[in-house]
Amino acid sequence: MTRIEKRLLILWFALAFVVWNGVYDMRMHDTVRGYLLDTALAQAGLGAGVDMRTALHRGQVDAIAFSTAWALGVFLAGIVTMRTYRHVRRTDA
């Protein structure tokens, strides 16, 4: 692996990490908002309410799965890009 390929690999890994963190935060934000809405409706007598541990656990599992899928997709795109770069470089040489 050349120096450029090593740097590209590090950059793609960093981008995948940023994507994972961003998607996880968005999904957890939506989970907490949903829990707060259900709790407010229950306090107003318009809903049954939700157990906090159950709601947040479901949301956390969903956030981890969803963010991991997106991060793996980004990282896979990076690997494909690097292989294409390697193939084009060999063809030109």
Protein backbone atom coordinates (compact mmCIF):
# COMPACT_ATOMS: atom_id res chain seq x y z
CA MET A 1 0.00 0.00 0.00
CA THR A 2 1.41 3.36 -0.98
CA ARG A 3 1.54 6.45 1.20
CA ILE A 4 -1.34 8.01 -0.72
CA GLU A 5 -3.47 4.89 -0.27
CA LYS A 6 -2.75 4.84 3.46
CA ARG A 7 -3.83 8.46 3.75
CA LEU A 8 -6.96 7.81 1.73
CA LEU A 9 -7.81 4.87 3.96
CA ILE A 10 -7.41 7.02 7.07
CA LEU A 11 -9.56 9.76 5.54
CA TRP A 12 -12.33 7.34 4.55
CA PHE A 13 -12.26 5.80 8.02
CA ALA A 14 -12.50 9.26 9.59
CA LEU A 15 -15.40 10.18 7.32
CA ALA A 16 -17.20 6.94 8.22
CA PHE A 17 -16.72 7.75 11.91
CA VAL A 18 -18.14 11.25 11.46
CA VAL A 19 -21.13 9.82 9.59
CA TRP A 20 -21.68 7.22 12.32
CA ASN A 21 -21.60 9.86 15.03
CA GLY A 22 -23.89 12.25 13.17
CA VAL A 23 -26.50 9.65 12.28
CA TYR A 24 -26.43 8.23 15.82
CA ASP A 25 -26.99 11.68 17.31
CA MET A 26 -29.89 12.40 14.95
CA ARG A 27 -31.60 9.10 15.68
CA MET A 28 -31.18 9.48 19.45
CA HIS A 29 -32.48 13.04 19.23
CA ASP A 30 -35.60 11.79 17.47
CA THR A 31 -36.00 9.05 20.11
CA VAL A 32 -35.79 11.49 23.00
CA ARG A 33 -38.23 13.87 21.31
CA GLY A 34 -40.69 11.04 20.78
CA TYR A 35 -40.38 9.97 24.40
CA LEU A 36 -40.92 13.54 25.63
CA LEU A 37 -43.96 13.93 23.39
CA ASP A 38 -45.49 10.68 24.64
CA THR A 39 -44.81 11.72 28.24
CA ALA A 40 -46.38 15.14 27.72
CA LEU A 41 -49.45 13.55 26.14
CA ALA A 42 -49.73 11.13 29.06
CA GLN A 43 -49.53 13.98 31.57
CA ALA A 44 -52.26 15.79 29.68
CA GLY A 45 -54.43 12.67 29.84
CA LEU A 46 -54.30 12.10 26.08
CA GLY A 47 -52.12 8.99 26.03
CA ALA A 48 -51.01 5.97 27.99
CA GLY A 49 -47.39 7.01 28.41
CA VAL A 50 -44.21 5.08 27.81
CA ASP A 51 -41.62 3.53 30.10
CA MET A 52 -38.43 5.57 29.76
CA ARG A 53 -36.03 2.61 29.78
CA THR A 54 -38.01 0.74 27.14
CA ALA A 55 -38.37 3.74 24.83
CA LEU A 56 -34.75 4.83 25.07
CA HIS A 57 -33.39 1.29 24.76
CA ARG A 58 -35.40 0.72 21.59
CA GLY A 59 -34.15 4.05 20.27
CA GLN A 60 -30.55 3.27 21.14
CA VAL A 61 -30.64 -0.10 19.39
CA ASP A 62 -32.21 1.55 16.35
CA ALA A 63 -29.64 4.37 16.39
CA ILE A 64 -26.70 1.98 16.63
CA ALA A 65 -27.98 -0.23 13.81
CA PHE A 66 -28.91 2.67 11.53
CA SER A 67 -25.68 4.60 12.06
CA THR A 68 -23.54 1.50 11.64
CA ALA A 69 -25.25 0.70 8.34
CA TRP A 70 -24.63 4.23 7.04
CA ALA A 71 -21.01 4.26 8.23
CA LEU A 72 -20.31 0.88 6.63
CA GLY A 73 -21.84 2.13 3.40
CA VAL A 74 -19.57 5.16 3.39
CA PHE A 75 -16.52 3.06 4.26
CA LEU A 76 -17.39 0.54 1.54
CA ALA A 77 -17.66 3.38 -0.97
CA GLY A 78 -14.19 4.47 0.12
CA ILE A 79 -12.74 0.99 -0.33
CA VAL A 80 -14.29 0.72 -3.80
CA THR A 81 -12.88 4.14 -4.66
CA MET A 82 -9.42 3.09 -3.51
CA ARG A 83 -9.54 -0.15 -5.50
CA THR A 84 -10.66 1.76 -8.57
CA TYR A 85 -7.80 4.22 -8.04
CA ARG A 86 -5.34 1.32 -7.75
CA HIS A 87 -6.72 -0.33 -10.91
CA VAL A 88 -6.58 2.91 -12.95
CA ARG A 89 -3.05 3.60 -11.74
CA ARG A 90 -1.88 0.12 -12.80
CA THR A 91 -3.56 0.46 -16.20
CA ASP A 92 -1.85 3.82 -16.83
CA ALA A 93 1.58 2.51 -15.82
